[in-house]
Each structure stands twice: as structure tokens, then as C-alpha cells.
Amino acid sequence: MRLSRKYTRDLYRNFKYLATWKPGVPLQLGDIGVLKGKQFTRLGNIKSDFGIDFTVRKDTTPDNLKYVSKSGVSFTAKAANMKIPVGSTLEASDIGFNISFSKEKAIFFEAEGTYYHSIESQFALGKEILKLYKENKWDKDLVVITELAVADSSTILMSLAKKGSVDIKVNNTEGIENKALSITNPELELGISYNTNVSAEIIAKEGLTPLFKVSKVKKPFLGKPIFETARANVMLPTGTEAFKMIDDDLLEFSEATFDDDGDLEV
């Protein structure tokens, strides 16, 4: 299994949100794209490409998120003059963290100060998109980001082999007694002092958009058009020539949800 699929699958299973891949790719509400499995490829934005405006509902109560693979991950926070973790290259006087992996594709994910912003009226957005669809201006395989998690700071690590280890050192120790010794704290000016077989590009990085939900046009068996979160296992759009008109009563715009272990729509 590819690392991208393992990452998006595991985070969806834990949070019931799609995960941004690669994790550092910036996303926005209203972004348009396609899903292959649980992996989103951005193609545009509903505002800039179709002129559809929307109001954002701002979240004001942040969460701290954490996901660590059930096995294969060992995490140690080290204060000054604390015992050096086994296998770590940190010195006795160093302050920092050691994360060791004993399993390939194991994941360490932590996001501090996470806000879930969303499009205010998804019903109104759905009406506009269904109108575009009936005018042959919208491919049914397109999805729209309708909810987006924005994190103050994130650290994301993934093992690239069966054995991996990374040492992350605190470089700004001034006033350390008044700072939270957190692997997501940007004030610590964290830096990698040793790394083997670990993907560690994201260390206390600010402003990531690690999780999101999407909606899409669906064709249910019964019912009238609605707008909700998309459920689909879609491939790339096939072009406007593939559009097909169908009866209004067989259309809806709804949330995409998946099974936990695979990439099938549920």
C-alpha cells in the first residue's frame, strides 16, 4: 500500500474527515477537484471559476488533534539533563523529542489549535451547482470542499521503512520554563538533529489545512435534489462531452463518505 493511501485511509478512519495529501498542500473552502479513492486533486475554486460566492461560518472553539498508529511508534519528550532515550543522538543538555518507528508507514500526527470552518449555506451552494450541472457546465465527478480544518501548528511524521528514528531539538531555549514543551510549538524553533527513514518535512508548521470534507452531485434511487456531503469513489473528469441530463428528482448534492478500510463509497 502506498504511503499516500495509508495516510488518507488512517486519518479518515480516525477523524471521519478526508486528509490533505501531501499534508503541506494549502486548501481553501470552495476548492473544486476530483477524488481518486480518498485523495483529492485540486482543479480550481467555485468562486474564481464559476463566480459562485458564499459566506464562511467561522469556528471559534479550536480542538487539539492527535493520531498515532496503534503500533510501531514510540514518542519521548526530553528535558535538559534528562536520561537520553534509547537510540537517540540528543545530548544530555539538549531539550527535544525522539520519535522512533518500528513499522513501515506508521504515522505520527498532531495538530494544535484546529478550527473547522465551513460554507454557511450549503443548501444555496447546492442549488447553484445543480443548476450548472443541468446546463452541462458541471461534471458529476467534481467535488467541492465545504468544510475545512485549519490548524495553528502541526507536526506530521511518517516512517519510510520498518525501522526509523528522528530527533527534534529545541533551538530556542530562552525562557523555556514559560513555554509549552510541545512538538507543535513554533516558539521552540524546533529543528531536526538526526533523521533516518522518516518523512519529517512538517515540524511545528503553522497554518496547515490537514483535514476537510467535500460534497458532490449524486444520483440517488429516490428523492429530490439536495445538498449534502459527497460520497464517492470517483476518477478524473471525462470532459463535457460525457455529461448526461437526468431527471431533477434523481439528483442531489451531498457529502462524500467512505468505508474505513478501503476507498469505497458508503
C-alpha atoms as a PDB file:
ATOM      1  CA  MET A   1       0.000   0.000   0.000  1.00  0.00           C
ATOM      2  CA  ARG A   2       1.335   3.419  -0.954  1.00  0.00           C
ATOM      3  CA  LEU A   3       2.124   5.864   1.825  1.00  0.00           C
ATOM      4  CA  SER A   4      -0.442   8.349   0.496  1.00  0.00           C
ATOM      5  CA  ARG A   5      -3.243   5.798   0.648  1.00  0.00           C
ATOM      6  CA  LYS A   6      -2.217   4.604   4.119  1.00  0.00           C
ATOM      7  CA  TYR A   7      -2.149   8.187   5.414  1.00  0.00           C
ATOM      8  CA  THR A   8      -5.512   9.248   3.951  1.00  0.00           C
ATOM      9  CA  ARG A   9      -7.157   5.967   4.964  1.00  0.00           C
ATOM     10  CA  ASP A  10      -5.923   6.001   8.569  1.00  0.00           C
ATOM     11  CA  LEU A  11      -6.814   9.622   9.207  1.00  0.00           C
ATOM     12  CA  TYR A  12     -10.266   9.182   7.674  1.00  0.00           C
ATOM     13  CA  ARG A  13     -10.847   6.145   9.855  1.00  0.00           C
ATOM     14  CA  ASN A  14      -9.887   8.124  12.965  1.00  0.00           C
ATOM     15  CA  PHE A  15     -11.392  11.574  12.283  1.00  0.00           C
ATOM     16  CA  LYS A  16     -14.065  10.861   9.615  1.00  0.00           C
ATOM     17  CA  TYR A  17     -12.520  13.681   7.583  1.00  0.00           C
ATOM     18  CA  LEU A  18     -10.542  13.393   4.374  1.00  0.00           C
ATOM     19  CA  ALA A  19      -6.843  14.109   4.836  1.00  0.00           C
ATOM     20  CA  THR A  20      -4.846  16.509   2.681  1.00  0.00           C
ATOM     21  CA  TRP A  21      -2.165  14.801   0.614  1.00  0.00           C
ATOM     22  CA  LYS A  22       0.531  15.899   0.592  1.00  0.00           C
ATOM     23  CA  PRO A  23      -0.097  17.259   4.098  1.00  0.00           C
ATOM     24  CA  GLY A  24       1.512  20.628   3.330  1.00  0.00           C
ATOM     25  CA  VAL A  25      -0.659  21.407   0.291  1.00  0.00           C
ATOM     26  CA  PRO A  26      -2.800  24.501   1.049  1.00  0.00           C
ATOM     27  CA  LEU A  27      -6.549  24.150   0.503  1.00  0.00           C
ATOM     28  CA  GLN A  28      -9.422  26.627   0.682  1.00  0.00           C
ATOM     29  CA  LEU A  29     -13.169  26.428   1.146  1.00  0.00           C
ATOM     30  CA  GLY A  30     -14.827  26.238  -2.263  1.00  0.00           C
ATOM     31  CA  ASP A  31     -11.887  24.452  -3.905  1.00  0.00           C
ATOM     32  CA  ILE A  32     -13.023  22.189  -6.741  1.00  0.00           C
ATOM     33  CA  GLY A  33     -11.331  18.919  -7.552  1.00  0.00           C
ATOM     34  CA  VAL A  34     -11.643  15.184  -8.016  1.00  0.00           C
ATOM     35  CA  LEU A  35     -11.200  12.251  -5.669  1.00  0.00           C
ATOM     36  CA  LYS A  36      -9.304   9.113  -6.502  1.00  0.00           C
ATOM     37  CA  GLY A  37     -10.040   6.954  -3.535  1.00  0.00           C
ATOM     38  CA  LYS A  38      -9.667   9.317  -0.588  1.00  0.00           C
ATOM     39  CA  GLN A  39      -7.039  11.507  -2.293  1.00  0.00           C
ATOM     40  CA  PHE A  40      -8.120  14.945  -3.517  1.00  0.00           C
ATOM     41  CA  THR A  41      -6.633  16.666  -6.564  1.00  0.00           C
ATOM     42  CA  ARG A  42      -7.417  20.369  -6.748  1.00  0.00           C
ATOM     43  CA  LEU A  43      -8.517  21.840 -10.100  1.00  0.00           C
ATOM     44  CA  GLY A  44      -9.923  25.265  -9.216  1.00  0.00           C
ATOM     45  CA  ASN A  45     -12.311  27.162  -6.951  1.00  0.00           C
ATOM     46  CA  ILE A  46     -16.043  27.706  -7.116  1.00  0.00           C
ATOM     47  CA  LYS A  47     -15.622  31.488  -6.768  1.00  0.00           C
ATOM     48  CA  SER A  48     -12.904  32.119  -9.324  1.00  0.00           C
ATOM     49  CA  ASP A  49     -14.050  29.550 -11.894  1.00  0.00           C
ATOM     50  CA  PHE A  50     -17.842  29.834 -11.669  1.00  0.00           C
ATOM     51  CA  GLY A  51     -18.452  33.146  -9.886  1.00  0.00           C
ATOM     52  CA  ILE A  52     -20.393  31.491  -7.063  1.00  0.00           C
ATOM     53  CA  ASP A  53     -19.876  33.433  -3.841  1.00  0.00           C
ATOM     54  CA  PHE A  54     -20.508  32.111  -0.352  1.00  0.00           C
ATOM     55  CA  THR A  55     -20.290  33.129   3.301  1.00  0.00           C
ATOM     56  CA  VAL A  56     -17.939  31.316   5.656  1.00  0.00           C
ATOM     57  CA  ARG A  57     -19.097  30.036   9.042  1.00  0.00           C
ATOM     58  CA  LYS A  58     -16.077  30.574  11.307  1.00  0.00           C
ATOM     59  CA  ASP A  59     -15.299  28.133  14.078  1.00  0.00           C
ATOM     60  CA  THR A  60     -14.211  29.852  17.309  1.00  0.00           C
ATOM     61  CA  THR A  61     -13.606  26.822  19.539  1.00  0.00           C
ATOM     62  CA  PRO A  62     -10.353  25.109  18.495  1.00  0.00           C
ATOM     63  CA  ASP A  63      -9.531  21.458  19.069  1.00  0.00           C
ATOM     64  CA  ASN A  64      -6.174  19.778  19.546  1.00  0.00           C
ATOM     65  CA  LEU A  65      -5.953  16.708  17.334  1.00  0.00           C
ATOM     66  CA  LYS A  66      -3.653  13.736  17.655  1.00  0.00           C
ATOM     67  CA  TYR A  67      -3.363  10.457  15.822  1.00  0.00           C
ATOM     68  CA  VAL A  68      -0.594   7.894  16.308  1.00  0.00           C
ATOM     69  CA  SER A  69      -0.575   4.495  14.616  1.00  0.00           C
ATOM     70  CA  LYS A  70      -1.692   1.802  17.039  1.00  0.00           C
ATOM     71  CA  SER A  71       1.680   0.099  16.913  1.00  0.00           C
ATOM     72  CA  GLY A  72       5.170   0.875  15.729  1.00  0.00           C
ATOM     73  CA  VAL A  73       5.568   4.384  17.193  1.00  0.00           C
ATOM     74  CA  SER A  74       7.481   5.429  20.322  1.00  0.00           C
ATOM     75  CA  PHE A  75       7.468   9.076  21.441  1.00  0.00           C
ATOM     76  CA  THR A  76       9.724  10.623  24.115  1.00  0.00           C
ATOM     77  CA  ALA A  77       9.904  14.262  25.212  1.00  0.00           C
ATOM     78  CA  LYS A  78      13.327  15.046  26.728  1.00  0.00           C
ATOM     79  CA  ALA A  79      14.045  17.879  29.154  1.00  0.00           C
ATOM     80  CA  ALA A  80      17.556  19.141  29.880  1.00  0.00           C
ATOM     81  CA  ASN A  81      19.713  16.642  31.799  1.00  0.00           C
ATOM     82  CA  MET A  82      17.025  14.001  31.446  1.00  0.00           C
ATOM     83  CA  LYS A  83      18.022  10.447  30.535  1.00  0.00           C
ATOM     84  CA  ILE A  84      18.733  10.153  26.814  1.00  0.00           C
ATOM     85  CA  PRO A  85      16.162   7.956  25.006  1.00  0.00           C
ATOM     86  CA  VAL A  86      17.484   4.659  23.657  1.00  0.00           C
ATOM     87  CA  GLY A  87      18.778   5.139  20.129  1.00  0.00           C
ATOM     88  CA  SER A  88      18.628   8.929  20.292  1.00  0.00           C
ATOM     89  CA  THR A  89      21.508  11.210  19.339  1.00  0.00           C
ATOM     90  CA  LEU A  90      20.310  14.024  21.612  1.00  0.00           C
ATOM     91  CA  GLU A  91      22.899  15.058  24.184  1.00  0.00           C
ATOM     92  CA  ALA A  92      22.314  15.237  27.934  1.00  0.00           C
ATOM     93  CA  SER A  93      21.933  19.033  27.906  1.00  0.00           C
ATOM     94  CA  ASP A  94      19.555  19.045  24.914  1.00  0.00           C
ATOM     95  CA  ILE A  95      15.825  19.655  25.105  1.00  0.00           C
ATOM     96  CA  GLY A  96      13.818  17.951  22.439  1.00  0.00           C
ATOM     97  CA  PHE A  97      11.928  14.908  21.244  1.00  0.00           C
ATOM     98  CA  ASN A  98      12.717  11.469  19.932  1.00  0.00           C
ATOM     99  CA  ILE A  99      10.222   9.581  17.791  1.00  0.00           C
ATOM    100  CA  SER A 100      11.131   6.022  16.855  1.00  0.00           C
ATOM    101  CA  PHE A 101       9.290   3.822  14.380  1.00  0.00           C
ATOM    102  CA  SER A 102       9.382   0.032  14.224  1.00  0.00           C
ATOM    103  CA  LYS A 103       6.881  -0.329  11.407  1.00  0.00           C
ATOM    104  CA  GLU A 104       6.823   0.942   7.832  1.00  0.00           C
ATOM    105  CA  LYS A 105       4.189   3.596   7.008  1.00  0.00           C
ATOM    106  CA  ALA A 106       3.454   4.274  10.683  1.00  0.00           C
ATOM    107  CA  ILE A 107       2.069   7.760  11.327  1.00  0.00           C
ATOM    108  CA  PHE A 108       2.511  10.456  13.977  1.00  0.00           C
ATOM    109  CA  PHE A 109       0.040  13.320  13.514  1.00  0.00           C
ATOM    110  CA  GLU A 110      -0.570  16.229  15.875  1.00  0.00           C
ATOM    111  CA  ALA A 111      -2.393  19.483  15.118  1.00  0.00           C
ATOM    112  CA  GLU A 112      -2.786  22.186  17.750  1.00  0.00           C
ATOM    113  CA  GLY A 113      -5.476  24.863  17.651  1.00  0.00           C
ATOM    114  CA  THR A 114      -7.601  23.327  14.901  1.00  0.00           C
ATOM    115  CA  TYR A 115     -10.630  25.263  13.637  1.00  0.00           C
ATOM    116  CA  TYR A 116     -13.346  23.725  11.452  1.00  0.00           C
ATOM    117  CA  HIS A 117     -14.575  26.423   9.070  1.00  0.00           C
ATOM    118  CA  SER A 118     -17.413  25.667   6.674  1.00  0.00           C
ATOM    119  CA  ILE A 119     -19.548  27.159   3.926  1.00  0.00           C
ATOM    120  CA  GLU A 120     -22.522  28.776   5.669  1.00  0.00           C
ATOM    121  CA  SER A 121     -25.354  27.878   3.277  1.00  0.00           C
ATOM    122  CA  GLN A 122     -24.521  24.585   1.630  1.00  0.00           C
ATOM    123  CA  PHE A 123     -28.153  24.357   0.527  1.00  0.00           C
ATOM    124  CA  ALA A 124     -27.749  27.523  -1.550  1.00  0.00           C
ATOM    125  CA  LEU A 125     -24.424  26.318  -2.954  1.00  0.00           C
ATOM    126  CA  GLY A 126     -26.023  23.008  -3.874  1.00  0.00           C
ATOM    127  CA  LYS A 127     -28.792  24.749  -5.812  1.00  0.00           C
ATOM    128  CA  GLU A 128     -26.208  26.694  -7.837  1.00  0.00           C
ATOM    129  CA  ILE A 129     -24.153  23.586  -8.616  1.00  0.00           C
ATOM    130  CA  LEU A 130     -27.201  21.540  -9.610  1.00  0.00           C
ATOM    131  CA  LYS A 131     -28.144  24.396 -11.947  1.00  0.00           C
ATOM    132  CA  LEU A 132     -24.658  24.259 -13.520  1.00  0.00           C
ATOM    133  CA  TYR A 133     -24.997  20.506 -13.887  1.00  0.00           C
ATOM    134  CA  LYS A 134     -28.321  20.776 -15.719  1.00  0.00           C
ATOM    135  CA  GLU A 135     -26.744  23.388 -18.021  1.00  0.00           C
ATOM    136  CA  ASN A 136     -23.955  20.925 -18.918  1.00  0.00           C
ATOM    137  CA  LYS A 137     -21.375  23.127 -17.178  1.00  0.00           C
ATOM    138  CA  TRP A 138     -20.517  20.767 -14.311  1.00  0.00           C
ATOM    139  CA  ASP A 139     -19.097  17.248 -14.333  1.00  0.00           C
ATOM    140  CA  LYS A 140     -20.795  14.956 -11.824  1.00  0.00           C
ATOM    141  CA  ASP A 141     -17.404  13.643 -10.680  1.00  0.00           C
ATOM    142  CA  LEU A 142     -16.302  17.049  -9.416  1.00  0.00           C
ATOM    143  CA  VAL A 143     -16.325  17.664  -5.655  1.00  0.00           C
ATOM    144  CA  VAL A 144     -16.299  20.901  -3.635  1.00  0.00           C
ATOM    145  CA  ILE A 145     -14.604  21.461  -0.281  1.00  0.00           C
ATOM    146  CA  THR A 146     -17.429  22.535   2.034  1.00  0.00           C
ATOM    147  CA  GLU A 147     -15.686  22.130   5.410  1.00  0.00           C
ATOM    148  CA  LEU A 148     -12.007  22.738   6.141  1.00  0.00           C
ATOM    149  CA  ALA A 149      -9.842  22.251   9.221  1.00  0.00           C
ATOM    150  CA  VAL A 150      -7.203  24.966   9.710  1.00  0.00           C
ATOM    151  CA  ALA A 151      -4.530  24.321  12.347  1.00  0.00           C
ATOM    152  CA  ASP A 152      -2.449  26.887  14.215  1.00  0.00           C
ATOM    153  CA  SER A 153       0.503  24.492  14.151  1.00  0.00           C
ATOM    154  CA  SER A 154       1.069  20.886  13.083  1.00  0.00           C
ATOM    155  CA  THR A 155       3.707  18.181  13.192  1.00  0.00           C
ATOM    156  CA  ILE A 156       3.339  15.194  10.874  1.00  0.00           C
ATOM    157  CA  LEU A 157       5.829  12.324  10.714  1.00  0.00           C
ATOM    158  CA  MET A 158       5.684   9.082   8.721  1.00  0.00           C
ATOM    159  CA  SER A 159       8.064   6.143   8.654  1.00  0.00           C
ATOM    160  CA  LEU A 160       9.528   5.200   5.290  1.00  0.00           C
ATOM    161  CA  ALA A 161      10.934   1.828   6.380  1.00  0.00           C
ATOM    162  CA  LYS A 162      10.484  -0.816   9.079  1.00  0.00           C
ATOM    163  CA  LYS A 163      12.971   0.987  11.303  1.00  0.00           C
ATOM    164  CA  GLY A 164      13.204   4.754  11.543  1.00  0.00           C
ATOM    165  CA  SER A 165      14.053   7.438  14.059  1.00  0.00           C
ATOM    166  CA  VAL A 166      14.071  11.211  14.246  1.00  0.00           C
ATOM    167  CA  ASP A 167      15.487  13.563  16.876  1.00  0.00           C
ATOM    168  CA  ILE A 168      13.893  17.005  17.056  1.00  0.00           C
ATOM    169  CA  LYS A 169      15.795  19.585  19.051  1.00  0.00           C
ATOM    170  CA  VAL A 170      14.579  22.779  20.747  1.00  0.00           C
ATOM    171  CA  ASN A 171      16.737  25.594  19.358  1.00  0.00           C
ATOM    172  CA  ASN A 172      15.124  28.485  21.219  1.00  0.00           C
ATOM    173  CA  THR A 173      15.608  27.749  24.919  1.00  0.00           C
ATOM    174  CA  GLU A 174      15.295  31.357  26.080  1.00  0.00           C
ATOM    175  CA  GLY A 175      12.527  31.478  28.680  1.00  0.00           C
ATOM    176  CA  ILE A 176      11.950  27.768  28.145  1.00  0.00           C
ATOM    177  CA  GLU A 177      10.364  27.430  31.573  1.00  0.00           C
ATOM    178  CA  ASN A 178       7.448  29.568  30.337  1.00  0.00           C
ATOM    179  CA  LYS A 179       6.932  27.683  27.076  1.00  0.00           C
ATOM    180  CA  ALA A 180       4.944  24.548  26.484  1.00  0.00           C
ATOM    181  CA  LEU A 181       7.274  21.677  25.648  1.00  0.00           C
ATOM    182  CA  SER A 182       5.159  20.601  22.706  1.00  0.00           C
ATOM    183  CA  ILE A 183       6.217  19.110  19.400  1.00  0.00           C
ATOM    184  CA  THR A 184       3.812  21.529  17.680  1.00  0.00           C
ATOM    185  CA  ASN A 185       5.029  24.701  19.421  1.00  0.00           C
ATOM    186  CA  PRO A 186       6.615  27.056  16.817  1.00  0.00           C
ATOM    187  CA  GLU A 187       8.088  29.257  19.573  1.00  0.00           C
ATOM    188  CA  LEU A 188      10.586  26.492  20.329  1.00  0.00           C
ATOM    189  CA  GLU A 189      12.118  26.821  16.842  1.00  0.00           C
ATOM    190  CA  LEU A 190      12.292  23.058  16.509  1.00  0.00           C
ATOM    191  CA  GLY A 191      14.841  21.543  14.180  1.00  0.00           C
ATOM    192  CA  ILE A 192      15.823  18.030  13.135  1.00  0.00           C
ATOM    193  CA  SER A 193      19.178  16.979  14.555  1.00  0.00           C
ATOM    194  CA  TYR A 194      19.025  13.393  13.329  1.00  0.00           C
ATOM    195  CA  ASN A 195      16.779  11.518  10.923  1.00  0.00           C
ATOM    196  CA  THR A 196      16.787   8.104   9.335  1.00  0.00           C
ATOM    197  CA  ASN A 197      13.903   6.682   7.283  1.00  0.00           C
ATOM    198  CA  VAL A 198      11.334   9.245   8.446  1.00  0.00           C
ATOM    199  CA  SER A 199       9.359  11.723   6.370  1.00  0.00           C
ATOM    200  CA  ALA A 200       9.686  14.806   8.559  1.00  0.00           C
ATOM    201  CA  GLU A 201       9.088  17.881   6.401  1.00  0.00           C
ATOM    202  CA  ILE A 202       6.343  19.182   8.701  1.00  0.00           C
ATOM    203  CA  ILE A 203       7.615  20.162  12.151  1.00  0.00           C
ATOM    204  CA  ALA A 204       5.567  22.751  14.080  1.00  0.00           C
ATOM    205  CA  LYS A 205       4.380  24.219  10.780  1.00  0.00           C
ATOM    206  CA  GLU A 206       1.777  26.958  11.052  1.00  0.00           C
ATOM    207  CA  GLY A 207      -1.436  27.387   9.071  1.00  0.00           C
ATOM    208  CA  LEU A 208      -1.848  23.905   7.571  1.00  0.00           C
ATOM    209  CA  THR A 209      -5.209  22.660   6.295  1.00  0.00           C
ATOM    210  CA  PRO A 210      -4.839  18.972   7.184  1.00  0.00           C
ATOM    211  CA  LEU A 211      -8.468  17.765   7.064  1.00  0.00           C
ATOM    212  CA  PHE A 212     -11.570  18.550   5.013  1.00  0.00           C
ATOM    213  CA  LYS A 213     -14.981  17.389   3.771  1.00  0.00           C
ATOM    214  CA  VAL A 214     -16.340  17.564   0.247  1.00  0.00           C
ATOM    215  CA  SER A 215     -19.726  17.464  -1.487  1.00  0.00           C
ATOM    216  CA  LYS A 216     -20.724  16.375  -4.968  1.00  0.00           C
ATOM    217  CA  VAL A 217     -23.670  15.800  -7.298  1.00  0.00           C
ATOM    218  CA  LYS A 218     -25.232  12.408  -6.685  1.00  0.00           C
ATOM    219  CA  LYS A 219     -27.934  10.355  -8.337  1.00  0.00           C
ATOM    220  CA  PRO A 220     -29.921   8.569  -5.621  1.00  0.00           C
ATOM    221  CA  PHE A 221     -32.593   5.998  -6.309  1.00  0.00           C
ATOM    222  CA  LEU A 222     -35.347   8.184  -4.877  1.00  0.00           C
ATOM    223  CA  GLY A 223     -35.840  11.723  -3.697  1.00  0.00           C
ATOM    224  CA  LYS A 224     -35.433  15.274  -4.893  1.00  0.00           C
ATOM    225  CA  PRO A 225     -32.186  17.240  -5.366  1.00  0.00           C
ATOM    226  CA  ILE A 226     -30.485  18.145  -2.081  1.00  0.00           C
ATOM    227  CA  PHE A 227     -27.073  19.438  -0.995  1.00  0.00           C
ATOM    228  CA  GLU A 228     -25.050  17.426   1.483  1.00  0.00           C
ATOM    229  CA  THR A 229     -21.582  15.962   1.876  1.00  0.00           C
ATOM    230  CA  ALA A 230     -20.253  13.936  -1.048  1.00  0.00           C
ATOM    231  CA  ARG A 231     -19.911  10.165  -1.049  1.00  0.00           C
ATOM    232  CA  ALA A 232     -18.000   8.918  -3.997  1.00  0.00           C
ATOM    233  CA  ASN A 233     -15.126   6.910  -5.352  1.00  0.00           C
ATOM    234  CA  VAL A 234     -14.546   8.988  -8.466  1.00  0.00           C
ATOM    235  CA  MET A 235     -11.939   9.100 -11.170  1.00  0.00           C
ATOM    236  CA  LEU A 236     -10.805  12.067 -13.234  1.00  0.00           C
ATOM    237  CA  PRO A 237     -13.465  14.057 -15.125  1.00  0.00           C
ATOM    238  CA  THR A 238     -14.086  12.730 -18.619  1.00  0.00           C
ATOM    239  CA  GLY A 239     -14.929  16.088 -20.186  1.00  0.00           C
ATOM    240  CA  THR A 240     -18.108  17.974 -21.007  1.00  0.00           C
ATOM    241  CA  GLU A 241     -18.997  15.587 -23.830  1.00  0.00           C
ATOM    242  CA  ALA A 242     -19.683  12.928 -21.187  1.00  0.00           C
ATOM    243  CA  PHE A 243     -22.335  14.980 -19.342  1.00  0.00           C
ATOM    244  CA  LYS A 244     -25.812  13.433 -19.282  1.00  0.00           C
ATOM    245  CA  MET A 245     -29.037  15.136 -18.334  1.00  0.00           C
ATOM    246  CA  ILE A 246     -31.167  13.237 -15.830  1.00  0.00           C
ATOM    247  CA  ASP A 247     -34.481  13.893 -14.159  1.00  0.00           C
ATOM    248  CA  ASP A 248     -34.451  16.507 -11.362  1.00  0.00           C
ATOM    249  CA  ASP A 249     -35.971  14.029  -8.938  1.00  0.00           C
ATOM    250  CA  LEU A 250     -32.896  11.811  -9.286  1.00  0.00           C
ATOM    251  CA  LEU A 251     -30.316  14.467  -8.381  1.00  0.00           C
ATOM    252  CA  GLU A 252     -28.843  15.546  -5.079  1.00  0.00           C
ATOM    253  CA  PHE A 253     -25.726  17.322  -3.856  1.00  0.00           C
ATOM    254  CA  SER A 254     -24.378  15.594  -0.772  1.00  0.00           C
ATOM    255  CA  GLU A 255     -21.399  14.683   1.410  1.00  0.00           C
ATOM    256  CA  ALA A 256     -18.838  12.126   0.295  1.00  0.00           C
ATOM    257  CA  THR A 257     -18.267   9.415   2.900  1.00  0.00           C
ATOM    258  CA  PHE A 258     -16.287   6.212   2.626  1.00  0.00           C
ATOM    259  CA  ASP A 259     -15.723   2.896   4.296  1.00  0.00           C
ATOM    260  CA  ASP A 260     -12.926   2.899   6.870  1.00  0.00           C
ATOM    261  CA  ASP A 261     -10.608   0.308   5.379  1.00  0.00           C
ATOM    262  CA  GLY A 262     -10.914   0.870   1.661  1.00  0.00           C
ATOM    263  CA  ASP A 263     -11.917   3.660  -0.673  1.00  0.00           C
ATOM    264  CA  LEU A 264     -15.485   2.614  -1.468  1.00  0.00           C
ATOM    265  CA  GLU A 265     -18.465   4.907  -1.145  1.00  0.00           C
ATOM    266  CA  VAL A 266     -20.903   4.086   1.630  1.00  0.00           C
END
